[in-house]
Amino acid sequence: MKTVLVTGVSRGLGLATVRRLLADPENYRVVGTSRTLGDDYGALVEESKGRAEFIRNDIGDIDGIPGLVGDVVDRHGTLWG
């Protein structure tokens, strides 16, 4: 299963990207980040059967990005996007 890190998943383009990835037959795992979970993404996590997860993160905190990516790679291996 290919793991993809998507920012801004609580709405807009980030949420739309997650919906597309979860609908794809390639069987992606999505690690979504945002400052807030949001009802729509929360519902996708519930329905995804383990293919989507949420990490609360403010992508504007540039110093925290390496730790975020490192944590995701440690848990899931290679990132595909």
N, C-alpha and C. Protein backbone atom coordinates (compact mmCIF):
# COMPACT_ATOMS: atom_id res chain seq x y z
N MET A 1 0.84 -1.17 0.00
CA MET A 1 0.00 0.00 0.00
C MET A 1 0.90 1.24 0.00
N LYS A 2 0.63 2.17 -0.89
CA LYS A 2 1.40 3.41 -0.99
C LYS A 2 0.86 4.44 0.00
N THR A 3 1.77 5.07 0.76
CA THR A 3 1.39 6.07 1.73
C THR A 3 1.62 7.46 1.17
N VAL A 4 0.60 8.32 1.33
CA VAL A 4 0.66 9.70 0.85
C VAL A 4 0.34 10.62 2.03
N LEU A 5 1.15 11.66 2.20
CA LEU A 5 0.93 12.68 3.22
C LEU A 5 0.24 13.86 2.56
N VAL A 6 -0.94 14.22 3.07
CA VAL A 6 -1.73 15.31 2.49
C VAL A 6 -1.96 16.36 3.57
N THR A 7 -1.65 17.61 3.26
CA THR A 7 -1.87 18.70 4.21
C THR A 7 -3.20 19.39 3.91
N GLY A 8 -3.72 20.06 4.92
CA GLY A 8 -4.95 20.83 4.75
C GLY A 8 -6.17 19.99 4.47
N VAL A 9 -6.30 18.84 5.17
CA VAL A 9 -7.36 17.89 4.85
C VAL A 9 -8.73 18.25 5.40
N SER A 10 -8.82 19.31 6.18
CA SER A 10 -10.12 19.63 6.79
C SER A 10 -11.11 20.22 5.79
N ARG A 11 -10.60 20.69 4.63
CA ARG A 11 -11.50 21.28 3.65
C ARG A 11 -10.78 21.48 2.32
N GLY A 12 -11.50 21.93 1.33
CA GLY A 12 -10.94 22.36 0.05
C GLY A 12 -10.13 21.32 -0.70
N LEU A 13 -9.02 21.78 -1.26
CA LEU A 13 -8.19 20.93 -2.11
C LEU A 13 -7.62 19.72 -1.35
N GLY A 14 -7.21 19.92 -0.11
CA GLY A 14 -6.68 18.79 0.67
C GLY A 14 -7.71 17.70 0.86
N LEU A 15 -8.94 18.09 1.21
CA LEU A 15 -10.02 17.12 1.39
C LEU A 15 -10.36 16.42 0.07
N ALA A 16 -10.41 17.19 -1.01
CA ALA A 16 -10.70 16.61 -2.32
C ALA A 16 -9.62 15.62 -2.74
N THR A 17 -8.37 15.93 -2.44
CA THR A 17 -7.26 15.02 -2.77
C THR A 17 -7.41 13.70 -2.02
N VAL A 18 -7.76 13.79 -0.75
CA VAL A 18 -7.95 12.58 0.04
C VAL A 18 -9.08 11.73 -0.54
N ARG A 19 -10.18 12.36 -0.88
CA ARG A 19 -11.31 11.61 -1.45
C ARG A 19 -10.88 10.87 -2.73
N ARG A 20 -10.11 11.54 -3.55
CA ARG A 20 -9.64 10.93 -4.80
C ARG A 20 -8.71 9.75 -4.52
N LEU A 21 -7.78 9.93 -3.59
CA LEU A 21 -6.84 8.85 -3.27
C LEU A 21 -7.55 7.64 -2.68
N LEU A 22 -8.52 7.86 -1.81
CA LEU A 22 -9.22 6.74 -1.19
C LEU A 22 -10.13 6.02 -2.18
N ALA A 23 -10.54 6.70 -3.23
CA ALA A 23 -11.39 6.08 -4.26
C ALA A 23 -10.56 5.32 -5.29
N ASP A 24 -9.27 5.55 -5.31
CA ASP A 24 -8.40 4.94 -6.32
C ASP A 24 -8.16 3.46 -6.03
N PRO A 25 -8.24 2.63 -7.05
CA PRO A 25 -8.01 1.20 -6.84
C PRO A 25 -6.56 0.84 -6.50
N GLU A 26 -5.64 1.80 -6.58
CA GLU A 26 -4.24 1.54 -6.22
C GLU A 26 -4.09 1.25 -4.74
N ASN A 27 -5.13 1.53 -3.96
CA ASN A 27 -5.12 1.23 -2.54
C ASN A 27 -4.10 2.07 -1.75
N TYR A 28 -4.30 3.36 -1.76
CA TYR A 28 -3.44 4.28 -1.03
C TYR A 28 -3.81 4.35 0.45
N ARG A 29 -2.80 4.59 1.28
CA ARG A 29 -3.00 4.96 2.67
C ARG A 29 -2.75 6.47 2.73
N VAL A 30 -3.64 7.20 3.40
CA VAL A 30 -3.53 8.65 3.48
C VAL A 30 -3.28 9.05 4.92
N VAL A 31 -2.22 9.83 5.12
CA VAL A 31 -1.97 10.46 6.41
C VAL A 31 -2.28 11.94 6.20
N GLY A 32 -3.37 12.39 6.81
CA GLY A 32 -3.82 13.76 6.60
C GLY A 32 -3.47 14.64 7.77
N THR A 33 -3.07 15.87 7.46
CA THR A 33 -2.75 16.83 8.51
C THR A 33 -3.56 18.10 8.32
N SER A 34 -3.84 18.73 9.43
CA SER A 34 -4.52 20.02 9.44
C SER A 34 -4.49 20.53 10.88
N ARG A 35 -4.81 21.80 11.06
CA ARG A 35 -4.90 22.33 12.43
C ARG A 35 -6.09 21.76 13.16
N THR A 36 -7.17 21.43 12.42
CA THR A 36 -8.37 20.84 13.00
C THR A 36 -8.79 19.63 12.17
N LEU A 37 -9.43 18.68 12.81
CA LEU A 37 -9.84 17.47 12.12
C LEU A 37 -10.91 17.74 11.07
N GLY A 38 -11.94 18.43 11.41
CA GLY A 38 -13.03 18.69 10.46
C GLY A 38 -13.95 17.49 10.35
N ASP A 39 -15.24 17.75 10.28
CA ASP A 39 -16.23 16.67 10.25
C ASP A 39 -16.09 15.79 9.01
N ASP A 40 -15.86 16.39 7.85
CA ASP A 40 -15.79 15.62 6.61
C ASP A 40 -14.61 14.66 6.61
N TYR A 41 -13.43 15.15 7.03
CA TYR A 41 -12.27 14.26 7.06
C TYR A 41 -12.43 13.22 8.16
N GLY A 42 -12.99 13.61 9.27
CA GLY A 42 -13.25 12.66 10.34
C GLY A 42 -14.11 11.50 9.87
N ALA A 43 -15.14 11.81 9.08
CA ALA A 43 -16.00 10.76 8.52
C ALA A 43 -15.22 9.86 7.57
N LEU A 44 -14.34 10.44 6.76
CA LEU A 44 -13.52 9.63 5.85
C LEU A 44 -12.60 8.69 6.62
N VAL A 45 -12.03 9.17 7.71
CA VAL A 45 -11.17 8.32 8.54
C VAL A 45 -11.98 7.14 9.07
N GLU A 46 -13.18 7.41 9.56
CA GLU A 46 -14.04 6.36 10.10
C GLU A 46 -14.39 5.32 9.04
N GLU A 47 -14.66 5.76 7.82
CA GLU A 47 -15.11 4.88 6.74
C GLU A 47 -13.96 4.18 6.02
N SER A 48 -12.73 4.59 6.26
CA SER A 48 -11.60 4.14 5.43
C SER A 48 -11.05 2.77 5.78
N LYS A 49 -11.52 2.17 6.84
CA LYS A 49 -11.03 0.85 7.26
C LYS A 49 -9.51 0.85 7.44
N GLY A 50 -9.00 1.89 8.09
CA GLY A 50 -7.58 1.97 8.38
C GLY A 50 -6.72 2.58 7.30
N ARG A 51 -7.32 3.02 6.20
CA ARG A 51 -6.54 3.59 5.10
C ARG A 51 -6.32 5.09 5.25
N ALA A 52 -6.95 5.72 6.23
CA ALA A 52 -6.74 7.15 6.46
C ALA A 52 -6.55 7.40 7.95
N GLU A 53 -5.68 8.32 8.24
CA GLU A 53 -5.46 8.72 9.63
C GLU A 53 -5.23 10.22 9.68
N PHE A 54 -5.30 10.77 10.88
CA PHE A 54 -5.18 12.21 11.07
C PHE A 54 -4.07 12.53 12.05
N ILE A 55 -3.27 13.54 11.70
CA ILE A 55 -2.26 14.10 12.60
C ILE A 55 -2.52 15.60 12.69
N ARG A 56 -2.80 16.08 13.90
CA ARG A 56 -3.01 17.51 14.08
C ARG A 56 -1.66 18.22 13.90
N ASN A 57 -1.61 19.15 12.94
CA ASN A 57 -0.36 19.82 12.63
C ASN A 57 -0.65 21.13 11.91
N ASP A 58 0.13 22.13 12.23
CA ASP A 58 0.06 23.42 11.53
C ASP A 58 1.25 23.47 10.58
N ILE A 59 0.99 23.32 9.30
CA ILE A 59 2.06 23.26 8.30
C ILE A 59 2.83 24.59 8.24
N GLY A 60 2.25 25.64 8.80
CA GLY A 60 2.95 26.92 8.87
C GLY A 60 4.14 26.88 9.83
N ASP A 61 4.19 25.87 10.69
CA ASP A 61 5.32 25.68 11.60
C ASP A 61 6.40 24.92 10.84
N ILE A 62 7.19 25.65 10.08
CA ILE A 62 8.19 25.05 9.18
C ILE A 62 9.18 24.17 9.95
N ASP A 63 9.55 24.56 11.14
CA ASP A 63 10.52 23.78 11.91
C ASP A 63 9.99 22.40 12.29
N GLY A 64 8.66 22.23 12.31
CA GLY A 64 8.08 20.95 12.68
C GLY A 64 7.92 19.97 11.54
N ILE A 65 8.13 20.43 10.30
CA ILE A 65 7.90 19.57 9.13
C ILE A 65 8.83 18.35 9.11
N PRO A 66 10.13 18.50 9.34
CA PRO A 66 10.99 17.30 9.31
C PRO A 66 10.57 16.23 10.33
N GLY A 67 10.14 16.66 11.50
CA GLY A 67 9.68 15.70 12.50
C GLY A 67 8.40 15.01 12.08
N LEU A 68 7.49 15.77 11.48
CA LEU A 68 6.24 15.20 10.99
C LEU A 68 6.51 14.14 9.92
N VAL A 69 7.30 14.48 8.94
CA VAL A 69 7.62 13.55 7.85
C VAL A 69 8.37 12.34 8.40
N GLY A 70 9.33 12.57 9.29
CA GLY A 70 10.08 11.47 9.88
C GLY A 70 9.19 10.51 10.64
N ASP A 71 8.22 11.03 11.38
CA ASP A 71 7.29 10.19 12.13
C ASP A 71 6.46 9.33 11.18
N VAL A 72 5.97 9.92 10.10
CA VAL A 72 5.16 9.17 9.14
C VAL A 72 6.00 8.09 8.45
N VAL A 73 7.22 8.42 8.07
CA VAL A 73 8.11 7.44 7.43
C VAL A 73 8.46 6.31 8.40
N ASP A 74 8.70 6.65 9.67
CA ASP A 74 9.00 5.61 10.64
C ASP A 74 7.84 4.62 10.80
N ARG A 75 6.61 5.11 10.72
CA ARG A 75 5.44 4.25 10.91
C ARG A 75 5.01 3.52 9.64
N HIS A 76 5.21 4.15 8.48
CA HIS A 76 4.63 3.59 7.25
C HIS A 76 5.65 3.32 6.13
N GLY A 77 6.89 3.71 6.30
CA GLY A 77 7.89 3.50 5.26
C GLY A 77 7.86 4.62 4.23
N THR A 78 8.20 4.29 3.04
CA THR A 78 8.33 5.27 1.95
C THR A 78 7.06 6.07 1.74
N LEU A 79 7.22 7.39 1.55
CA LEU A 79 6.11 8.25 1.18
C LEU A 79 6.07 8.35 -0.34
N TRP A 80 4.88 8.24 -0.90
CA TRP A 80 4.69 8.34 -2.35
C TRP A 80 4.15 9.69 -2.76
N GLY A 81 3.97 10.56 -1.83
CA GLY A 81 3.48 11.90 -2.15
C GLY A 81 3.19 12.68 -0.92
